[in-house]
Amino acid sequence: MTAAHANTMFEPTVALRERVHTQLGWEPTSWRAVRGGYTPAARYVVTHGSQRSAFVKVATTPLTAKMLKREIAAYRELSGRPFVPELLGYDELEENEPLLIVEDLSTATWPPPWNEQAIELVLEQIAAMHRTTTQLPSYIALRPAQQLGWRQVVDDPAPFLSTGFASAAWLQRCLPALLEAEAACELEGDALTHFDLRSDNICIVAGAAKFIDWAEAGSGSPRVDLGFWLPSLCFEGGPRPDDVLPAAPEVAAWVSGYFAARAGRPEIPDSPAVRRVQREQLSVALPWVQRALRLASE
């Protein structure tokens, strides 16, 4: 739906064309492969003349199949919410790779650049999302091994130190405060949370924000979900995280720890852009936690 990052292109097969036709109830006469996201799922904008269009995402690997099934479950529950694209169809039969069809948002506005109005529109819909309860699994249930990033840095500091954002001396000096604040961060909650909010998953259409890529959605903490977006917003020219979410040292510690534990790891073969984006987010999240915990910078 955006042109943010490259992914492998797949020519639609006859079988895929038939599946999409069945779900839509109309036959696309044009298939345009589009780039977007960080996984090798296949993505298309399909049209029939100038009157009908849709966005199609198709799994191409076991990982993308798992994620797309989770995203389909989210769309099935959330269909009709103003912050969710319109669900047009899906097919997750075991004999086929899952596919998802939602409204085409190609003509929407995709930040950056950011301005105050766009940020306010996004914050309004994030608040609406967080007022929504959900039957989707909790953040902890979905990611039992991804809860404490600074604890992972303790076990293996080399990836974090390889980023060059801090020295071993700084890490040794500041780890006690980072670990304490991170452990105090509450991840559980009843709110619907997206947990993958970044500009490539956010667009503005008809004066309101919509969020795409719901594979990571579940119940959880609204403060952490909001905080998870703020480093990328700041990196793209928006306000500092603590200007949007003040007095949140535990969130700053958790978010910075998440990126600190991952940004320096080897590239992911199916998602080569992920580490670069995580380093960008860490470049903002680390100063944020330094301010929040009054830690000396390098």
Protein backbone atom coordinates (compact mmCIF):
# COMPACT_ATOMS: atom_id res chain seq x y z
CA MET A 1 0.00 0.00 0.00
CA THR A 2 3.04 2.23 0.23
CA ALA A 3 6.32 2.34 -1.62
CA ALA A 4 8.44 2.43 1.53
CA HIS A 5 10.51 -0.71 1.22
CA ALA A 6 11.28 -3.29 -1.42
CA ASN A 7 9.89 -6.77 -1.28
CA THR A 8 9.94 -9.62 -3.73
CA MET A 9 7.43 -9.37 -6.56
CA PHE A 10 5.35 -12.40 -7.51
CA GLU A 11 3.40 -12.69 -10.75
CA PRO A 12 -0.22 -13.56 -9.86
CA THR A 13 -1.08 -17.11 -10.85
CA VAL A 14 -4.33 -18.18 -12.47
CA ALA A 15 -5.35 -19.78 -9.17
CA LEU A 16 -4.68 -16.55 -7.26
CA ARG A 17 -6.66 -14.54 -9.78
CA GLU A 18 -9.59 -16.91 -9.34
CA ARG A 19 -9.40 -16.74 -5.54
CA VAL A 20 -9.42 -12.96 -5.56
CA HIS A 21 -12.28 -12.89 -8.06
CA THR A 22 -14.27 -15.18 -5.77
CA GLN A 23 -13.66 -13.02 -2.71
CA LEU A 24 -14.39 -9.69 -4.39
CA GLY A 25 -17.33 -10.77 -6.51
CA TRP A 26 -15.84 -8.87 -9.43
CA GLU A 27 -12.95 -9.75 -11.70
CA PRO A 28 -9.89 -7.50 -11.63
CA THR A 29 -8.72 -6.50 -15.09
CA SER A 30 -5.45 -4.98 -13.83
CA TRP A 31 -2.93 -6.28 -11.30
CA ARG A 32 -0.21 -3.89 -10.16
CA ALA A 33 2.47 -5.29 -7.87
CA VAL A 34 3.39 -2.79 -5.15
CA ARG A 35 6.29 -2.50 -2.76
CA GLY A 36 5.75 -2.14 0.96
CA GLY A 37 6.25 -3.64 4.36
CA TYR A 38 9.24 -5.56 5.69
CA THR A 39 8.31 -9.12 4.76
CA PRO A 40 8.27 -10.95 1.40
CA ALA A 41 4.49 -11.16 1.27
CA ALA A 42 3.17 -10.39 -2.23
CA ARG A 43 1.15 -7.19 -2.51
CA TYR A 44 -1.02 -5.92 -5.35
CA VAL A 45 -3.46 -3.18 -6.18
CA VAL A 46 -6.18 -4.68 -8.38
CA THR A 47 -8.65 -2.65 -10.39
CA HIS A 48 -11.58 -3.02 -12.72
CA GLY A 49 -11.73 0.07 -14.88
CA SER A 50 -11.76 3.32 -12.92
CA GLN A 51 -14.61 2.42 -10.60
CA ARG A 52 -13.32 -0.50 -8.53
CA SER A 53 -10.04 -1.17 -6.77
CA ALA A 54 -8.70 -3.20 -3.85
CA PHE A 55 -5.45 -4.05 -2.08
CA VAL A 56 -4.44 -7.72 -2.01
CA LYS A 57 -1.80 -9.24 0.28
CA VAL A 58 -0.76 -12.88 -0.18
CA ALA A 59 1.51 -15.00 2.01
CA THR A 60 4.58 -16.44 0.28
CA THR A 61 6.51 -18.09 3.15
CA PRO A 62 5.62 -19.91 6.39
CA LEU A 63 6.39 -16.73 8.37
CA THR A 64 4.20 -14.51 6.20
CA ALA A 65 1.42 -17.15 6.33
CA LYS A 66 1.50 -17.08 10.14
CA MET A 67 1.48 -13.30 10.25
CA LEU A 68 -1.26 -12.96 7.64
CA LYS A 69 -3.51 -15.36 9.55
CA ARG A 70 -3.06 -13.18 12.63
CA GLU A 71 -3.84 -10.10 10.59
CA ILE A 72 -6.97 -11.70 9.14
CA ALA A 73 -8.15 -12.52 12.67
CA ALA A 74 -7.68 -8.87 13.63
CA TYR A 75 -9.60 -7.61 10.60
CA ARG A 76 -12.43 -10.06 11.25
CA GLU A 77 -12.85 -8.69 14.78
CA LEU A 78 -12.25 -5.02 14.01
CA SER A 79 -14.08 -4.63 10.71
CA GLY A 80 -16.05 -1.40 10.65
CA ARG A 81 -13.86 0.53 13.09
CA PRO A 82 -12.94 3.95 11.69
CA PHE A 83 -9.20 3.42 12.20
CA VAL A 84 -9.18 0.13 10.24
CA PRO A 85 -9.30 -0.20 6.43
CA GLU A 86 -12.46 -1.77 5.07
CA LEU A 87 -12.22 -5.56 4.90
CA LEU A 88 -13.24 -6.77 1.43
CA GLY A 89 -12.38 -10.46 1.64
CA TYR A 90 -9.99 -13.11 2.88
CA ASP A 91 -9.11 -16.75 2.25
CA GLU A 92 -7.12 -18.77 4.77
CA LEU A 93 -7.95 -22.32 3.68
CA GLU A 94 -5.18 -24.72 4.59
CA GLU A 95 -4.56 -25.85 1.01
CA ASN A 96 -3.70 -22.29 -0.06
CA GLU A 97 -1.43 -19.52 1.13
CA PRO A 98 -3.60 -17.06 3.09
CA LEU A 99 -4.73 -13.92 1.32
CA LEU A 100 -6.26 -10.71 2.60
CA ILE A 101 -8.16 -8.08 0.61
CA VAL A 102 -8.87 -4.60 1.99
CA GLU A 103 -9.73 -1.22 0.56
CA ASP A 104 -7.18 0.41 -1.70
CA LEU A 105 -5.55 3.34 0.10
CA SER A 106 -3.17 4.30 -2.70
CA THR A 107 -4.61 7.80 -2.91
CA ALA A 108 -4.42 8.45 0.83
CA THR A 109 -1.74 10.71 2.35
CA TRP A 110 1.19 8.74 3.79
CA PRO A 111 3.43 10.75 6.14
CA PRO A 112 6.18 11.84 6.45
CA PRO A 113 6.46 14.74 6.27
CA TRP A 114 4.58 15.33 9.50
CA ASN A 115 2.77 18.46 10.60
CA GLU A 116 0.77 19.28 13.72
CA GLN A 117 -2.56 18.50 12.08
CA ALA A 118 -1.47 15.06 10.85
CA ILE A 119 -0.03 14.18 14.26
CA GLU A 120 -3.26 15.24 15.98
CA LEU A 121 -5.33 13.13 13.58
CA VAL A 122 -3.16 10.10 14.31
CA LEU A 123 -3.29 10.68 18.08
CA GLU A 124 -7.10 10.93 17.90
CA GLN A 125 -7.37 7.54 16.24
CA ILE A 126 -4.78 5.97 18.52
CA ALA A 127 -6.92 7.12 21.43
CA ALA A 128 -10.02 5.67 19.76
CA MET A 129 -8.18 2.39 19.22
CA HIS A 130 -7.11 2.29 22.86
CA ARG A 131 -10.70 2.84 23.99
CA THR A 132 -11.59 -0.36 22.14
CA THR A 133 -11.49 -3.69 23.97
CA THR A 134 -10.54 -6.85 22.12
CA GLN A 135 -10.69 -10.63 22.27
CA LEU A 136 -7.36 -10.89 20.47
CA PRO A 137 -4.48 -12.48 22.42
CA SER A 138 -2.46 -10.27 24.74
CA TYR A 139 0.91 -8.82 23.85
CA ILE A 140 2.65 -11.18 26.29
CA ALA A 141 0.81 -14.24 24.94
CA LEU A 142 1.90 -13.37 21.39
CA ARG A 143 5.52 -12.60 22.31
CA PRO A 144 6.52 -14.51 25.45
CA ALA A 145 10.24 -14.08 24.71
CA GLN A 146 10.17 -10.36 23.79
CA GLN A 147 9.35 -8.67 27.05
CA LEU A 148 12.62 -7.37 28.52
CA GLY A 149 15.10 -5.93 26.05
CA TRP A 150 17.70 -4.58 28.48
CA ARG A 151 17.75 -7.97 30.18
CA GLN A 152 18.68 -9.46 26.80
CA VAL A 153 21.43 -6.85 26.48
CA VAL A 154 22.83 -8.02 29.82
CA ASP A 155 22.99 -11.58 28.48
CA ASP A 156 24.58 -10.51 25.18
CA PRO A 157 25.77 -6.87 25.07
CA ALA A 158 27.76 -7.19 21.83
CA PRO A 159 24.91 -6.42 19.37
CA PHE A 160 23.94 -3.25 21.24
CA LEU A 161 27.53 -2.08 21.60
CA SER A 162 28.12 -2.71 17.89
CA THR A 163 25.62 0.06 17.06
CA GLY A 164 28.05 2.63 18.46
CA PHE A 165 25.34 4.48 20.38
CA ALA A 166 26.98 3.86 23.77
CA SER A 167 30.16 2.47 25.27
CA ALA A 168 30.65 -0.57 27.47
CA ALA A 169 31.45 1.78 30.37
CA TRP A 170 28.16 3.66 29.90
CA LEU A 171 26.24 0.40 29.70
CA GLN A 172 27.80 -0.97 32.88
CA ARG A 173 27.12 2.28 34.73
CA CYS A 174 23.49 2.69 33.58
CA LEU A 175 22.20 -0.87 33.40
CA PRO A 176 20.87 -1.05 36.99
CA ALA A 177 18.58 1.95 36.42
CA LEU A 178 17.54 0.71 32.97
CA LEU A 179 16.68 -2.77 34.26
CA GLU A 180 14.70 -1.41 37.20
CA ALA A 181 12.64 0.96 35.04
CA GLU A 182 12.07 -1.66 32.34
CA ALA A 183 10.85 -4.22 34.89
CA ALA A 184 8.34 -1.65 36.18
CA CYS A 185 6.73 -1.28 32.75
CA GLU A 186 3.27 -2.89 32.66
CA LEU A 187 2.58 -4.54 29.31
CA GLU A 188 -0.79 -6.05 30.15
CA GLY A 189 -4.05 -4.21 29.60
CA ASP A 190 -7.52 -4.44 28.13
CA ALA A 191 -6.95 -1.93 25.34
CA LEU A 192 -6.69 -2.83 21.69
CA THR A 193 -3.08 -2.20 20.77
CA HIS A 194 -1.41 -2.24 17.35
CA PHE A 195 2.24 -2.58 18.42
CA ASP A 196 3.60 -1.84 14.95
CA LEU A 197 2.76 1.83 14.55
CA ARG A 198 5.16 3.54 12.16
CA SER A 199 4.61 5.94 9.28
CA ASP A 200 4.52 3.11 6.72
CA ASN A 201 1.53 1.68 8.62
CA ILE A 202 -0.30 5.00 9.00
CA CYS A 203 -2.18 7.05 6.43
CA ILE A 204 -4.59 9.97 6.40
CA VAL A 205 -7.78 9.60 4.39
CA ALA A 206 -10.94 11.73 4.44
CA GLY A 207 -9.65 13.74 7.40
CA ALA A 208 -8.90 10.77 9.64
CA ALA A 209 -6.05 8.36 10.26
CA LYS A 210 -6.16 4.67 9.39
CA PHE A 211 -3.71 1.99 10.46
CA ILE A 212 -2.67 -1.00 8.37
CA ASP A 213 -0.65 -4.19 9.02
CA TRP A 214 -2.49 -5.59 12.04
CA ALA A 215 -0.49 -8.80 12.48
CA GLU A 216 0.94 -7.66 15.83
CA ALA A 217 -2.39 -6.45 17.26
CA GLY A 218 -3.67 -7.66 20.60
CA SER A 219 -4.69 -6.50 24.04
CA GLY A 220 -2.11 -4.59 26.00
CA SER A 221 -0.92 -1.34 27.51
CA PRO A 222 -1.98 1.80 25.62
CA ARG A 223 0.97 3.76 27.04
CA VAL A 224 3.49 1.27 25.70
CA ASP A 225 1.71 1.05 22.34
CA LEU A 226 1.82 4.84 21.99
CA GLY A 227 5.41 4.97 23.20
CA PHE A 228 6.44 2.38 20.64
CA TRP A 229 5.44 4.76 17.82
CA LEU A 230 7.13 7.88 19.16
CA PRO A 231 10.81 7.22 18.27
CA SER A 232 9.99 6.79 14.59
CA LEU A 233 7.75 9.88 14.66
CA CYS A 234 10.59 11.95 16.13
CA PHE A 235 13.15 10.52 13.69
CA GLU A 236 10.90 11.67 10.84
CA GLY A 237 10.76 15.24 12.08
CA GLY A 238 8.01 15.05 14.70
CA PRO A 239 8.18 16.02 18.38
CA ARG A 240 10.36 14.28 20.95
CA PRO A 241 8.74 11.24 22.58
CA ASP A 242 8.58 12.91 26.00
CA ASP A 243 6.76 15.88 24.52
CA VAL A 244 3.92 13.54 23.52
CA LEU A 245 4.17 11.09 26.43
CA PRO A 246 5.70 12.90 29.41
CA ALA A 247 6.58 11.34 32.76
CA ALA A 248 6.88 7.82 31.36
CA PRO A 249 10.35 6.57 32.37
CA GLU A 250 9.21 2.95 32.44
CA VAL A 251 7.89 3.19 28.85
CA ALA A 252 11.09 4.90 27.71
CA ALA A 253 13.10 2.10 29.32
CA TRP A 254 11.02 -0.66 27.75
CA VAL A 255 10.98 0.89 24.27
CA SER A 256 14.69 1.70 24.28
CA GLY A 257 15.46 -1.80 25.56
CA TYR A 258 13.43 -3.36 22.78
CA PHE A 259 15.50 -1.61 20.12
CA ALA A 260 18.78 -1.91 22.03
CA ALA A 261 18.42 -5.70 22.06
CA ARG A 262 17.70 -5.90 18.32
CA ALA A 263 19.20 -3.06 16.32
CA GLY A 264 22.69 -4.53 16.23
CA ARG A 265 21.75 -8.09 15.38
CA PRO A 266 22.46 -9.59 11.93
CA GLU A 267 20.09 -8.67 9.14
CA ILE A 268 16.95 -10.76 8.74
CA PRO A 269 17.11 -12.47 5.30
CA ASP A 270 13.40 -12.01 4.55
CA SER A 271 13.32 -8.48 6.02
CA PRO A 272 16.65 -6.75 5.31
CA ALA A 273 15.40 -3.23 6.14
CA VAL A 274 14.29 -4.04 9.69
CA ARG A 275 17.67 -3.54 11.39
CA ARG A 276 18.19 -0.16 9.74
CA VAL A 277 14.81 1.04 10.95
CA GLN A 278 15.49 -0.32 14.44
CA ARG A 279 18.78 1.60 14.55
CA GLU A 280 16.91 4.76 13.55
CA GLN A 281 14.42 4.21 16.35
CA LEU A 282 17.17 3.43 18.86
CA SER A 283 18.89 6.72 17.94
CA VAL A 284 15.84 8.49 19.39
CA ALA A 285 14.79 6.02 22.10
CA LEU A 286 18.18 6.02 23.82
CA PRO A 287 18.30 9.81 24.40
CA TRP A 288 14.66 9.57 25.51
CA VAL A 289 15.45 7.09 28.28
CA GLN A 290 18.56 9.07 29.22
CA ARG A 291 16.39 12.15 29.80
CA ALA A 292 13.63 10.18 31.52
CA LEU A 293 15.99 8.46 33.99
CA ARG A 294 18.46 11.37 34.20
CA LEU A 295 21.24 9.20 32.89
CA ALA A 296 24.44 10.79 31.67
CA SER A 297 24.93 10.57 27.91
CA GLU A 298 28.23 9.61 26.35
